[in-house]
Amino acid sequence: MTFHSGIHYSLPAFALLLCYYLILIYRIRTNPLVTAIGTYNAARKAWVISVMKNNLNILTIQTLRNWSMSATFLASTGSLLALAVLNFLLDPESLAILALRHNTLGLEEVVQIEFFRAKLLILMIVLFFSFFNFTLSIRYYNKAGFILCIREPDVIKNHQRYAIRTVFNGASHYMLGMRSYYLAVPLVLWLLGNSWLYVGMLLLILIQYRTDYRH
C-alpha cells in the first residue's frame, strides 16, 4: 500500500470521529444537560460556589489535590508512551514487520515504511498532546487552590467567576488529555492496517457515545 493510497483509505475514519465531536459540541452548546460534559460543568460550578460560600478550605484542597495527582500520573504515563513511540519512529522497520505478521485480517500485504512512520508520528503527537493537556490541567488546579481559598473577594475582580473559569479550564484540559488517550487506541490498531483503524474508531465512538450522553 502506497503512502497516498493509505492516507486516502484512512481519512474517512478520522472524518467519522470529527463528525461525532462536532455533533457533541453542538449538543453541549444547545442543550448541555443532555450530555455528561454539560452536567459535569454544572456540578463543578455548583461545587465552586458551595465551597466558597461555606469556607470549606480543607475539602477544596483535598479535592483539587486528588485531581492534580490523577493528572500527574496520566501526564507521566503519556510522556513515557510518547518517548517509547519515538524510539520506534527512529527504527520502524522491525515494528512494521511485526505489525504485518499480526495483521490477522490479511487485507494489507505490503507495508510502506514511509506510511508506517507517518502512523507512528501521528501516534506520538497525540500522546504528547495528552501530556501537555494534563500538565496544563495541573497548572489550573494549582491556581484554583489559591483562588478558592481567598477570603478577600475584592483582591480579584469577579472573584467567583474567575474561580469557576479556572476550575473549568483545568477540567477541560483533563478531558482533552483523556480523549487523546482514547484516540491512541485506534491509532495503535492502525499500525496493523486500515481495516483495524475502522474497527477501533467505531468502537471508540460507540463507547464515547455511551459515556457522553445521559441515558
N, C-alpha and C. Protein backbone atom coordinates (compact mmCIF):
# COMPACT_ATOMS: atom_id res chain seq x y z
N MET A 1 0.85 -1.19 0.00
CA MET A 1 0.00 0.00 0.00
C MET A 1 0.88 1.24 0.00
N THR A 2 0.68 2.13 -0.98
CA THR A 2 1.47 3.34 -1.09
C THR A 2 1.04 4.35 -0.04
N PHE A 3 1.87 5.38 0.09
CA PHE A 3 1.59 6.41 1.10
C PHE A 3 0.27 7.12 0.80
N HIS A 4 0.08 7.56 -0.45
CA HIS A 4 -1.11 8.33 -0.80
C HIS A 4 -2.38 7.47 -0.72
N SER A 5 -2.30 6.24 -1.16
CA SER A 5 -3.49 5.38 -1.07
C SER A 5 -3.82 5.05 0.37
N GLY A 6 -2.79 4.90 1.22
CA GLY A 6 -3.03 4.64 2.64
C GLY A 6 -3.75 5.80 3.31
N ILE A 7 -3.30 7.02 3.01
CA ILE A 7 -3.97 8.21 3.56
C ILE A 7 -5.40 8.30 3.03
N HIS A 8 -5.58 8.00 1.77
CA HIS A 8 -6.91 8.07 1.16
C HIS A 8 -7.90 7.14 1.86
N TYR A 9 -7.48 5.93 2.16
CA TYR A 9 -8.36 4.96 2.83
C TYR A 9 -8.54 5.26 4.32
N SER A 10 -7.62 6.01 4.90
CA SER A 10 -7.69 6.28 6.34
C SER A 10 -8.54 7.50 6.68
N LEU A 11 -8.61 8.48 5.79
CA LEU A 11 -9.28 9.74 6.08
C LEU A 11 -10.74 9.59 6.50
N PRO A 12 -11.55 8.73 5.87
CA PRO A 12 -12.95 8.61 6.31
C PRO A 12 -13.10 8.22 7.77
N ALA A 13 -12.18 7.44 8.31
CA ALA A 13 -12.26 7.05 9.72
C ALA A 13 -12.10 8.27 10.62
N PHE A 14 -11.14 9.13 10.31
CA PHE A 14 -10.94 10.35 11.09
C PHE A 14 -12.08 11.34 10.88
N ALA A 15 -12.63 11.37 9.66
CA ALA A 15 -13.77 12.25 9.40
C ALA A 15 -14.98 11.82 10.21
N LEU A 16 -15.14 10.52 10.39
CA LEU A 16 -16.24 10.00 11.19
C LEU A 16 -16.13 10.45 12.64
N LEU A 17 -14.93 10.39 13.19
CA LEU A 17 -14.72 10.83 14.57
C LEU A 17 -14.92 12.34 14.69
N LEU A 18 -14.47 13.09 13.67
CA LEU A 18 -14.65 14.54 13.68
C LEU A 18 -16.13 14.91 13.67
N CYS A 19 -16.92 14.21 12.88
CA CYS A 19 -18.37 14.46 12.84
C CYS A 19 -19.00 14.19 14.19
N TYR A 20 -18.56 13.13 14.86
CA TYR A 20 -19.10 12.83 16.19
C TYR A 20 -18.84 13.97 17.15
N TYR A 21 -17.61 14.51 17.14
CA TYR A 21 -17.27 15.59 18.07
C TYR A 21 -17.98 16.89 17.71
N LEU A 22 -18.19 17.15 16.43
CA LEU A 22 -18.93 18.35 16.03
C LEU A 22 -20.37 18.29 16.53
N ILE A 23 -20.98 17.11 16.42
CA ILE A 23 -22.34 16.94 16.94
C ILE A 23 -22.37 17.08 18.45
N LEU A 24 -21.35 16.51 19.12
CA LEU A 24 -21.28 16.60 20.59
C LEU A 24 -21.14 18.05 21.03
N ILE A 25 -20.26 18.81 20.37
CA ILE A 25 -20.08 20.23 20.71
C ILE A 25 -21.38 21.00 20.51
N TYR A 26 -22.08 20.69 19.42
CA TYR A 26 -23.36 21.36 19.16
C TYR A 26 -24.37 21.07 20.26
N ARG A 27 -24.43 19.81 20.71
CA ARG A 27 -25.37 19.46 21.79
C ARG A 27 -24.98 20.12 23.11
N ILE A 28 -23.69 20.23 23.36
CA ILE A 28 -23.23 20.90 24.59
C ILE A 28 -23.64 22.36 24.59
N ARG A 29 -23.56 23.00 23.44
CA ARG A 29 -23.90 24.42 23.34
C ARG A 29 -25.40 24.66 23.37
N THR A 30 -26.18 23.76 22.77
CA THR A 30 -27.62 24.00 22.66
C THR A 30 -28.42 23.39 23.80
N ASN A 31 -28.02 22.21 24.27
CA ASN A 31 -28.75 21.53 25.35
C ASN A 31 -27.76 20.78 26.23
N PRO A 32 -26.98 21.52 27.02
CA PRO A 32 -25.85 20.90 27.71
C PRO A 32 -26.21 19.79 28.70
N LEU A 33 -27.38 19.89 29.32
CA LEU A 33 -27.71 18.93 30.37
C LEU A 33 -28.08 17.54 29.85
N VAL A 34 -28.19 17.38 28.54
CA VAL A 34 -28.40 16.03 28.00
C VAL A 34 -27.06 15.32 27.80
N THR A 35 -25.96 16.06 27.95
CA THR A 35 -24.63 15.48 27.80
C THR A 35 -23.96 15.37 29.17
N ALA A 36 -23.05 14.43 29.28
CA ALA A 36 -22.32 14.26 30.53
C ALA A 36 -21.41 15.45 30.80
N ILE A 37 -20.81 16.00 29.73
CA ILE A 37 -19.90 17.14 29.91
C ILE A 37 -20.66 18.35 30.46
N GLY A 38 -21.83 18.64 29.88
CA GLY A 38 -22.63 19.76 30.37
C GLY A 38 -23.08 19.57 31.80
N THR A 39 -23.45 18.34 32.14
CA THR A 39 -23.87 18.04 33.52
C THR A 39 -22.71 18.20 34.50
N TYR A 40 -21.53 17.71 34.12
CA TYR A 40 -20.37 17.85 34.99
C TYR A 40 -19.98 19.31 35.17
N ASN A 41 -20.10 20.10 34.10
CA ASN A 41 -19.79 21.53 34.22
C ASN A 41 -20.74 22.22 35.21
N ALA A 42 -22.02 21.86 35.14
CA ALA A 42 -22.99 22.43 36.08
C ALA A 42 -22.65 22.01 37.51
N ALA A 43 -22.24 20.75 37.68
CA ALA A 43 -21.87 20.26 39.01
C ALA A 43 -20.62 20.96 39.52
N ARG A 44 -19.64 21.19 38.64
CA ARG A 44 -18.42 21.89 39.06
C ARG A 44 -18.73 23.32 39.48
N LYS A 45 -19.59 23.98 38.73
CA LYS A 45 -19.96 25.34 39.08
C LYS A 45 -20.64 25.38 40.44
N ALA A 46 -21.56 24.44 40.68
CA ALA A 46 -22.24 24.38 41.98
C ALA A 46 -21.26 24.07 43.10
N TRP A 47 -20.27 23.22 42.81
CA TRP A 47 -19.26 22.87 43.82
C TRP A 47 -18.42 24.08 44.19
N VAL A 48 -17.97 24.83 43.19
CA VAL A 48 -17.16 26.02 43.46
C VAL A 48 -17.93 27.03 44.30
N ILE A 49 -19.17 27.28 43.93
CA ILE A 49 -20.00 28.23 44.67
C ILE A 49 -20.20 27.76 46.11
N SER A 50 -20.40 26.44 46.26
CA SER A 50 -20.65 25.90 47.59
C SER A 50 -19.44 26.01 48.50
N VAL A 51 -18.26 25.62 48.02
CA VAL A 51 -17.07 25.64 48.87
C VAL A 51 -16.64 27.07 49.18
N MET A 52 -16.89 27.99 48.25
CA MET A 52 -16.55 29.38 48.53
C MET A 52 -17.53 30.01 49.52
N LYS A 53 -18.78 29.64 49.40
CA LYS A 53 -19.79 30.21 50.29
C LYS A 53 -19.64 29.71 51.71
N ASN A 54 -19.28 28.43 51.86
CA ASN A 54 -19.22 27.81 53.18
C ASN A 54 -17.80 27.73 53.75
N ASN A 55 -16.83 28.33 53.05
CA ASN A 55 -15.44 28.36 53.53
C ASN A 55 -14.89 26.95 53.79
N LEU A 56 -15.11 26.05 52.85
CA LEU A 56 -14.66 24.67 53.00
C LEU A 56 -13.25 24.52 52.42
N ASN A 57 -12.29 25.13 53.07
CA ASN A 57 -10.93 25.15 52.53
C ASN A 57 -10.30 23.76 52.47
N ILE A 58 -10.50 22.98 53.52
CA ILE A 58 -9.88 21.64 53.56
C ILE A 58 -10.47 20.76 52.47
N LEU A 59 -11.80 20.77 52.33
CA LEU A 59 -12.43 19.99 51.27
C LEU A 59 -11.95 20.44 49.90
N THR A 60 -11.80 21.74 49.72
CA THR A 60 -11.34 22.28 48.45
C THR A 60 -9.95 21.77 48.10
N ILE A 61 -9.03 21.88 49.03
CA ILE A 61 -7.64 21.47 48.77
C ILE A 61 -7.55 19.97 48.55
N GLN A 62 -8.29 19.19 49.32
CA GLN A 62 -8.25 17.73 49.14
C GLN A 62 -8.78 17.33 47.78
N THR A 63 -9.87 17.94 47.36
CA THR A 63 -10.45 17.61 46.06
C THR A 63 -9.50 18.00 44.92
N LEU A 64 -8.95 19.21 44.99
CA LEU A 64 -8.02 19.65 43.95
C LEU A 64 -6.75 18.81 43.97
N ARG A 65 -6.34 18.38 45.15
CA ARG A 65 -5.15 17.52 45.25
C ARG A 65 -5.40 16.20 44.55
N ASN A 66 -6.58 15.61 44.74
CA ASN A 66 -6.90 14.35 44.08
C ASN A 66 -6.91 14.51 42.56
N TRP A 67 -7.49 15.61 42.09
CA TRP A 67 -7.50 15.86 40.64
C TRP A 67 -6.08 16.04 40.11
N SER A 68 -5.26 16.77 40.85
CA SER A 68 -3.89 17.02 40.41
C SER A 68 -3.06 15.75 40.40
N MET A 69 -3.23 14.90 41.40
CA MET A 69 -2.48 13.64 41.45
C MET A 69 -2.84 12.74 40.27
N SER A 70 -4.13 12.68 39.95
CA SER A 70 -4.56 11.89 38.80
C SER A 70 -3.97 12.42 37.51
N ALA A 71 -4.00 13.75 37.34
CA ALA A 71 -3.44 14.36 36.13
C ALA A 71 -1.92 14.16 36.06
N THR A 72 -1.25 14.20 37.21
CA THR A 72 0.20 13.99 37.25
C THR A 72 0.57 12.59 36.79
N PHE A 73 -0.15 11.60 37.28
CA PHE A 73 0.11 10.22 36.88
C PHE A 73 -0.11 10.03 35.38
N LEU A 74 -1.20 10.57 34.88
CA LEU A 74 -1.51 10.41 33.46
C LEU A 74 -0.53 11.17 32.58
N ALA A 75 -0.08 12.35 33.04
CA ALA A 75 0.92 13.11 32.28
C ALA A 75 2.24 12.33 32.19
N SER A 76 2.66 11.74 33.30
CA SER A 76 3.89 10.95 33.30
C SER A 76 3.77 9.75 32.38
N THR A 77 2.63 9.08 32.43
CA THR A 77 2.42 7.92 31.56
C THR A 77 2.42 8.34 30.10
N GLY A 78 1.75 9.45 29.78
CA GLY A 78 1.71 9.92 28.40
C GLY A 78 3.08 10.25 27.85
N SER A 79 3.92 10.90 28.66
CA SER A 79 5.26 11.25 28.20
C SER A 79 6.11 10.00 27.96
N LEU A 80 5.98 9.00 28.84
CA LEU A 80 6.74 7.76 28.67
C LEU A 80 6.29 7.01 27.41
N LEU A 81 4.99 6.96 27.17
CA LEU A 81 4.49 6.31 25.97
C LEU A 81 4.95 7.03 24.71
N ALA A 82 4.92 8.37 24.74
CA ALA A 82 5.35 9.15 23.58
C ALA A 82 6.83 8.91 23.29
N LEU A 83 7.65 8.84 24.33
CA LEU A 83 9.08 8.58 24.14
C LEU A 83 9.31 7.18 23.61
N ALA A 84 8.49 6.23 24.05
CA ALA A 84 8.60 4.86 23.53
C ALA A 84 8.28 4.82 22.04
N VAL A 85 7.23 5.54 21.65
CA VAL A 85 6.87 5.60 20.23
C VAL A 85 7.98 6.28 19.43
N LEU A 86 8.61 7.32 20.02
CA LEU A 86 9.72 7.99 19.35
C LEU A 86 10.86 7.02 19.09
N ASN A 87 11.09 6.11 20.00
CA ASN A 87 12.13 5.11 19.82
C ASN A 87 11.82 4.22 18.61
N PHE A 88 10.56 3.81 18.47
CA PHE A 88 10.17 3.01 17.31
C PHE A 88 10.20 3.84 16.03
N LEU A 89 9.93 5.14 16.16
CA LEU A 89 9.92 6.01 14.99
C LEU A 89 11.30 6.11 14.35
N LEU A 90 12.34 6.01 15.16
CA LEU A 90 13.70 6.08 14.65
C LEU A 90 14.11 4.80 13.92
N ASP A 91 13.44 3.70 14.23
CA ASP A 91 13.74 2.42 13.57
C ASP A 91 12.43 1.66 13.37
N PRO A 92 11.62 2.06 12.37
CA PRO A 92 10.27 1.48 12.22
C PRO A 92 10.22 0.14 11.50
N GLU A 93 11.33 -0.28 10.88
CA GLU A 93 11.27 -1.48 10.05
C GLU A 93 10.87 -2.72 10.84
N SER A 94 11.51 -2.92 12.00
CA SER A 94 11.22 -4.13 12.78
C SER A 94 9.79 -4.14 13.28
N LEU A 95 9.28 -2.97 13.71
CA LEU A 95 7.90 -2.89 14.19
C LEU A 95 6.91 -3.08 13.04
N ALA A 96 7.25 -2.59 11.84
CA ALA A 96 6.38 -2.76 10.68
C ALA A 96 6.24 -4.23 10.33
N ILE A 97 7.34 -4.96 10.39
CA ILE A 97 7.28 -6.40 10.10
C ILE A 97 6.44 -7.12 11.14
N LEU A 98 6.60 -6.74 12.41
CA LEU A 98 5.82 -7.36 13.48
C LEU A 98 4.33 -7.05 13.31
N ALA A 99 4.00 -5.81 12.94
CA ALA A 99 2.60 -5.43 12.73
C ALA A 99 1.99 -6.21 11.58
N LEU A 100 2.74 -6.36 10.50
CA LEU A 100 2.24 -7.10 9.35
C LEU A 100 2.00 -8.57 9.70
N ARG A 101 2.86 -9.11 10.53
CA ARG A 101 2.73 -10.51 10.94
C ARG A 101 1.47 -10.74 11.76
N HIS A 102 1.04 -9.72 12.52
CA HIS A 102 -0.14 -9.85 13.37
C HIS A 102 -1.39 -9.24 12.76
N ASN A 103 -1.32 -8.89 11.48
CA ASN A 103 -2.49 -8.37 10.78
C ASN A 103 -3.35 -9.55 10.36
N THR A 104 -4.19 -10.02 11.27
CA THR A 104 -4.97 -11.24 11.04
C THR A 104 -6.05 -11.06 9.98
N LEU A 105 -6.43 -9.80 9.69
CA LEU A 105 -7.43 -9.59 8.63
C LEU A 105 -6.83 -9.85 7.26
N GLY A 106 -5.52 -9.68 7.17
CA GLY A 106 -4.85 -10.03 5.93
C GLY A 106 -5.21 -9.16 4.74
N LEU A 107 -5.63 -7.94 4.97
CA LEU A 107 -6.08 -7.08 3.88
C LEU A 107 -4.98 -6.16 3.37
N GLU A 108 -3.84 -6.15 4.02
CA GLU A 108 -2.73 -5.32 3.57
C GLU A 108 -1.47 -6.18 3.53
N GLU A 109 -1.00 -6.47 2.34
CA GLU A 109 0.13 -7.37 2.21
C GLU A 109 1.47 -6.63 2.18
N VAL A 110 1.41 -5.34 1.88
CA VAL A 110 2.64 -4.55 1.79
C VAL A 110 2.55 -3.35 2.74
N VAL A 111 3.57 -3.16 3.51
CA VAL A 111 3.63 -2.01 4.41
C VAL A 111 4.76 -1.10 3.95
N GLN A 112 4.40 0.10 3.48
CA GLN A 112 5.42 1.06 3.09
C GLN A 112 5.96 1.74 4.34
N ILE A 113 7.29 1.77 4.44
CA ILE A 113 7.92 2.28 5.65
C ILE A 113 7.56 3.75 5.89
N GLU A 114 7.47 4.54 4.83
CA GLU A 114 7.13 5.96 4.99
C GLU A 114 5.74 6.13 5.59
N PHE A 115 4.79 5.33 5.12
CA PHE A 115 3.43 5.41 5.64
C PHE A 115 3.38 4.91 7.08
N PHE A 116 4.13 3.86 7.37
CA PHE A 116 4.17 3.33 8.73
C PHE A 116 4.81 4.34 9.67
N ARG A 117 5.84 5.02 9.19
CA ARG A 117 6.48 6.06 10.02
C ARG A 117 5.51 7.22 10.27
N ALA A 118 4.69 7.54 9.29
CA ALA A 118 3.69 8.60 9.47
C ALA A 118 2.67 8.21 10.54
N LYS A 119 2.28 6.95 10.57
CA LYS A 119 1.36 6.48 11.62
C LYS A 119 1.98 6.65 13.00
N LEU A 120 3.25 6.25 13.13
CA LEU A 120 3.93 6.39 14.41
C LEU A 120 4.07 7.85 14.82
N LEU A 121 4.32 8.71 13.83
CA LEU A 121 4.45 10.14 14.13
C LEU A 121 3.13 10.71 14.65
N ILE A 122 2.02 10.34 14.02
CA ILE A 122 0.71 10.82 14.47
C ILE A 122 0.42 10.32 15.88
N LEU A 123 0.74 9.05 16.14
CA LEU A 123 0.53 8.49 17.47
C LEU A 123 1.36 9.22 18.50
N MET A 124 2.61 9.52 18.17
CA MET A 124 3.47 10.23 19.11
C MET A 124 2.94 11.64 19.39
N ILE A 125 2.48 12.33 18.36
CA ILE A 125 1.92 13.68 18.53
C ILE A 125 0.71 13.65 19.45
N VAL A 126 -0.16 12.66 19.27
CA VAL A 126 -1.36 12.54 20.10
C VAL A 126 -0.97 12.30 21.56
N LEU A 127 0.04 11.48 21.80
CA LEU A 127 0.47 11.20 23.17
C LEU A 127 1.12 12.42 23.81
N PHE A 128 1.92 13.15 23.05
CA PHE A 128 2.49 14.39 23.58
C PHE A 128 1.40 15.43 23.82
N PHE A 129 0.38 15.45 22.97
CA PHE A 129 -0.75 16.35 23.17
C PHE A 129 -1.45 16.05 24.49
N SER A 130 -1.61 14.77 24.80
CA SER A 130 -2.22 14.39 26.08
C SER A 130 -1.33 14.83 27.25
N PHE A 131 -0.01 14.68 27.08
CA PHE A 131 0.92 15.10 28.14
C PHE A 131 0.78 16.59 28.43
N PHE A 132 0.77 17.43 27.41
CA PHE A 132 0.67 18.87 27.61
C PHE A 132 -0.67 19.25 28.22
N ASN A 133 -1.72 18.59 27.84
CA ASN A 133 -3.03 18.91 28.41
C ASN A 133 -3.10 18.53 29.89
N PHE A 134 -2.54 17.39 30.25
CA PHE A 134 -2.54 17.02 31.66
C PHE A 134 -1.68 17.97 32.50
N THR A 135 -0.55 18.41 31.95
CA THR A 135 0.27 19.37 32.70
C THR A 135 -0.45 20.71 32.83
N LEU A 136 -1.16 21.14 31.80
CA LEU A 136 -1.94 22.37 31.90
C LEU A 136 -3.08 22.21 32.91
N SER A 137 -3.64 21.01 32.97
CA SER A 137 -4.68 20.75 33.96
C SER A 137 -4.13 20.90 35.37
N ILE A 138 -2.94 20.38 35.61
CA ILE A 138 -2.30 20.53 36.92
C ILE A 138 -2.08 22.00 37.24
N ARG A 139 -1.65 22.75 36.24
CA ARG A 139 -1.40 24.19 36.43
C ARG A 139 -2.67 24.91 36.87
N TYR A 140 -3.77 24.64 36.20
CA TYR A 140 -5.02 25.32 36.53
C TYR A 140 -5.55 24.88 37.90
N TYR A 141 -5.40 23.59 38.23
CA TYR A 141 -5.86 23.13 39.54
C TYR A 141 -5.04 23.75 40.66
N ASN A 142 -3.72 23.90 40.45
CA ASN A 142 -2.90 24.57 41.46
C ASN A 142 -3.31 26.03 41.63
N LYS A 143 -3.59 26.69 40.51
CA LYS A 143 -4.04 28.08 40.58
C LYS A 143 -5.39 28.16 41.30
N ALA A 144 -6.28 27.21 41.01
CA ALA A 144 -7.60 27.22 41.65
C ALA A 144 -7.48 27.06 43.16
N GLY A 145 -6.48 26.30 43.62
CA GLY A 145 -6.30 26.11 45.05
C GLY A 145 -6.06 27.42 45.78
N PHE A 146 -5.33 28.34 45.14
CA PHE A 146 -5.11 29.65 45.75
C PHE A 146 -6.36 30.51 45.66
N ILE A 147 -6.99 30.51 44.50
CA ILE A 147 -8.12 31.42 44.28
C ILE A 147 -9.30 31.06 45.19
N LEU A 148 -9.59 29.75 45.31
CA LEU A 148 -10.75 29.33 46.08
C LEU A 148 -10.60 29.59 47.57
N CYS A 149 -9.36 29.73 48.03
CA CYS A 149 -9.14 29.93 49.47
C CYS A 149 -9.02 31.41 49.84
N ILE A 150 -9.15 32.29 48.86
CA ILE A 150 -9.10 33.73 49.15
C ILE A 150 -10.40 34.16 49.82
N ARG A 151 -10.26 34.83 50.93
CA ARG A 151 -11.44 35.30 51.65
C ARG A 151 -11.62 36.81 51.54
N GLU A 152 -10.85 37.41 50.65
CA GLU A 152 -10.99 38.84 50.36
C GLU A 152 -11.36 38.97 48.89
N PRO A 153 -12.64 38.87 48.56
CA PRO A 153 -13.05 38.84 47.15
C PRO A 153 -12.67 40.09 46.36
N ASP A 154 -12.42 41.20 47.05
CA ASP A 154 -12.06 42.43 46.35
C ASP A 154 -10.65 42.37 45.77
N VAL A 155 -9.86 41.39 46.21
CA VAL A 155 -8.49 41.27 45.72
C VAL A 155 -8.50 40.94 44.21
N ILE A 156 -9.44 40.11 43.78
CA ILE A 156 -9.57 39.71 42.38
C ILE A 156 -10.93 40.15 41.86
N LYS A 157 -10.91 40.84 40.75
CA LYS A 157 -12.15 41.29 40.14
C LYS A 157 -12.96 40.07 39.68
N ASN A 158 -14.26 40.10 39.94
CA ASN A 158 -15.14 38.97 39.59
C ASN A 158 -14.57 37.66 40.15
N HIS A 159 -14.31 37.68 41.45
CA HIS A 159 -13.61 36.59 42.12
C HIS A 159 -14.27 35.24 41.86
N GLN A 160 -15.56 35.12 42.10
CA GLN A 160 -16.24 33.84 41.95
C GLN A 160 -16.23 33.37 40.50
N ARG A 161 -16.48 34.28 39.57
CA ARG A 161 -16.49 33.91 38.15
C ARG A 161 -15.11 33.45 37.71
N TYR A 162 -14.08 34.10 38.20
CA TYR A 162 -12.71 33.73 37.85
C TYR A 162 -12.37 32.35 38.42
N ALA A 163 -12.83 32.06 39.62
CA ALA A 163 -12.58 30.76 40.23
C ALA A 163 -13.27 29.65 39.42
N ILE A 164 -14.53 29.89 39.02
CA ILE A 164 -15.26 28.90 38.23
C ILE A 164 -14.56 28.65 36.91
N ARG A 165 -14.13 29.72 36.25
CA ARG A 165 -13.46 29.57 34.96
C ARG A 165 -12.14 28.82 35.10
N THR A 166 -11.41 29.05 36.20
CA THR A 166 -10.15 28.36 36.41
C THR A 166 -10.36 26.86 36.59
N VAL A 167 -11.36 26.47 37.38
CA VAL A 167 -11.67 25.06 37.57
C VAL A 167 -12.14 24.45 36.26
N PHE A 168 -12.95 25.19 35.50
CA PHE A 168 -13.41 24.70 34.20
C PHE A 168 -12.23 24.46 33.26
N ASN A 169 -11.26 25.38 33.25
CA ASN A 169 -10.10 25.21 32.37
C ASN A 169 -9.30 23.96 32.74
N GLY A 170 -9.12 23.73 34.05
CA GLY A 170 -8.43 22.52 34.47
C GLY A 170 -9.16 21.27 34.04
N ALA A 171 -10.49 21.28 34.19
CA ALA A 171 -11.28 20.11 33.80
C ALA A 171 -11.28 19.92 32.29
N SER A 172 -11.29 21.01 31.54
CA SER A 172 -11.29 20.92 30.08
C SER A 172 -9.99 20.30 29.57
N HIS A 173 -8.86 20.73 30.11
CA HIS A 173 -7.58 20.16 29.69
C HIS A 173 -7.46 18.70 30.13
N TYR A 174 -8.00 18.38 31.29
CA TYR A 174 -8.01 16.98 31.72
C TYR A 174 -8.81 16.13 30.74
N MET A 175 -9.97 16.64 30.32
CA MET A 175 -10.81 15.91 29.38
C MET A 175 -10.10 15.73 28.04
N LEU A 176 -9.42 16.79 27.55
CA LEU A 176 -8.69 16.67 26.29
C LEU A 176 -7.57 15.64 26.40
N GLY A 177 -6.91 15.60 27.55
CA GLY A 177 -5.88 14.59 27.75
C GLY A 177 -6.44 13.18 27.71
N MET A 178 -7.59 12.97 28.36
CA MET A 178 -8.22 11.66 28.35
C MET A 178 -8.68 11.28 26.95
N ARG A 179 -9.25 12.25 26.21
CA ARG A 179 -9.70 11.98 24.84
C ARG A 179 -8.52 11.59 23.95
N SER A 180 -7.36 12.19 24.22
CA SER A 180 -6.16 11.83 23.46
C SER A 180 -5.76 10.39 23.74
N TYR A 181 -5.87 9.98 25.00
CA TYR A 181 -5.61 8.59 25.35
C TYR A 181 -6.57 7.66 24.61
N TYR A 182 -7.84 8.03 24.58
CA TYR A 182 -8.82 7.20 23.88
C TYR A 182 -8.47 7.09 22.40
N LEU A 183 -8.08 8.20 21.79
CA LEU A 183 -7.74 8.20 20.37
C LEU A 183 -6.51 7.35 20.09
N ALA A 184 -5.63 7.23 21.08
CA ALA A 184 -4.41 6.44 20.88
C ALA A 184 -4.72 4.97 20.63
N VAL A 185 -5.86 4.48 21.11
CA VAL A 185 -6.19 3.06 20.94
C VAL A 185 -6.41 2.73 19.46
N PRO A 186 -7.32 3.42 18.74
CA PRO A 186 -7.44 3.12 17.31
C PRO A 186 -6.18 3.44 16.52
N LEU A 187 -5.37 4.40 16.98
CA LEU A 187 -4.12 4.69 16.28
C LEU A 187 -3.14 3.54 16.41
N VAL A 188 -3.13 2.90 17.56
CA VAL A 188 -2.28 1.70 17.72
C VAL A 188 -2.79 0.59 16.80
N LEU A 189 -4.12 0.42 16.76
CA LEU A 189 -4.68 -0.59 15.86
C LEU A 189 -4.39 -0.27 14.40
N TRP A 190 -4.25 1.02 14.10
CA TRP A 190 -3.94 1.44 12.73
C TRP A 190 -2.61 0.87 12.27
N LEU A 191 -1.70 0.62 13.19
CA LEU A 191 -0.40 0.04 12.83
C LEU A 191 -0.57 -1.33 12.19
N LEU A 192 -1.67 -2.01 12.53
CA LEU A 192 -1.94 -3.31 11.94
C LEU A 192 -2.60 -3.22 10.57
N GLY A 193 -3.13 -2.04 10.24
CA GLY A 193 -3.77 -1.87 8.95
C GLY A 193 -4.96 -0.93 9.03
N ASN A 194 -5.39 -0.43 7.88
CA ASN A 194 -6.51 0.50 7.84
C ASN A 194 -7.81 -0.13 8.30
N SER A 195 -8.00 -1.41 8.05
CA SER A 195 -9.22 -2.08 8.48
C SER A 195 -9.34 -2.07 10.00
N TRP A 196 -8.20 -2.27 10.68
CA TRP A 196 -8.21 -2.21 12.14
C TRP A 196 -8.49 -0.80 12.65
N LEU A 197 -8.07 0.20 11.88
CA LEU A 197 -8.37 1.58 12.25
C LEU A 197 -9.88 1.81 12.30
N TYR A 198 -10.59 1.31 11.30
CA TYR A 198 -12.05 1.49 11.28
C TYR A 198 -12.72 0.75 12.43
N VAL A 199 -12.22 -0.43 12.74
CA VAL A 199 -12.77 -1.18 13.87
C VAL A 199 -12.57 -0.39 15.16
N GLY A 200 -11.35 0.14 15.35
CA GLY A 200 -11.06 0.90 16.55
C GLY A 200 -11.87 2.18 16.64
N MET A 201 -12.04 2.88 15.53
CA MET A 201 -12.81 4.13 15.53
C MET A 201 -14.28 3.87 15.86
N LEU A 202 -14.84 2.85 15.27
CA LEU A 202 -16.25 2.55 15.54
C LEU A 202 -16.47 2.18 17.00
N LEU A 203 -15.57 1.38 17.55
CA LEU A 203 -15.68 1.03 18.97
C LEU A 203 -15.49 2.25 19.86
N LEU A 204 -14.55 3.12 19.49
CA LEU A 204 -14.31 4.34 20.27
C LEU A 204 -15.54 5.24 20.28
N ILE A 205 -16.15 5.43 19.11
CA ILE A 205 -17.34 6.28 19.03
C ILE A 205 -18.49 5.67 19.82
N LEU A 206 -18.65 4.36 19.73
CA LEU A 206 -19.73 3.70 20.47
C LEU A 206 -19.54 3.86 21.97
N ILE A 207 -18.32 3.64 22.46
CA ILE A 207 -18.06 3.75 23.90
C ILE A 207 -18.22 5.19 24.36
N GLN A 208 -17.72 6.15 23.56
CA GLN A 208 -17.85 7.55 23.94
C GLN A 208 -19.30 8.00 23.93
N TYR A 209 -20.08 7.48 23.00
CA TYR A 209 -21.50 7.84 22.97
C TYR A 209 -22.19 7.39 24.25
N ARG A 210 -21.83 6.21 24.74
CA ARG A 210 -22.43 5.68 25.96
C ARG A 210 -22.04 6.52 27.18
N THR A 211 -20.89 7.17 27.13
CA THR A 211 -20.43 7.95 28.28
C THR A 211 -20.67 9.45 28.12
N ASP A 212 -20.86 9.92 26.90
CA ASP A 212 -21.00 11.36 26.67
C ASP A 212 -22.45 11.85 26.82
N TYR A 213 -23.39 10.93 26.74
CA TYR A 213 -24.79 11.33 26.81
C TYR A 213 -25.47 10.65 28.00
N ARG A 214 -26.38 11.38 28.63
CA ARG A 214 -27.13 10.84 29.75
C ARG A 214 -28.27 9.98 29.22
N HIS A 215 -28.28 8.71 29.63
CA HIS A 215 -29.28 7.76 29.14
C HIS A 215 -30.24 7.40 30.29
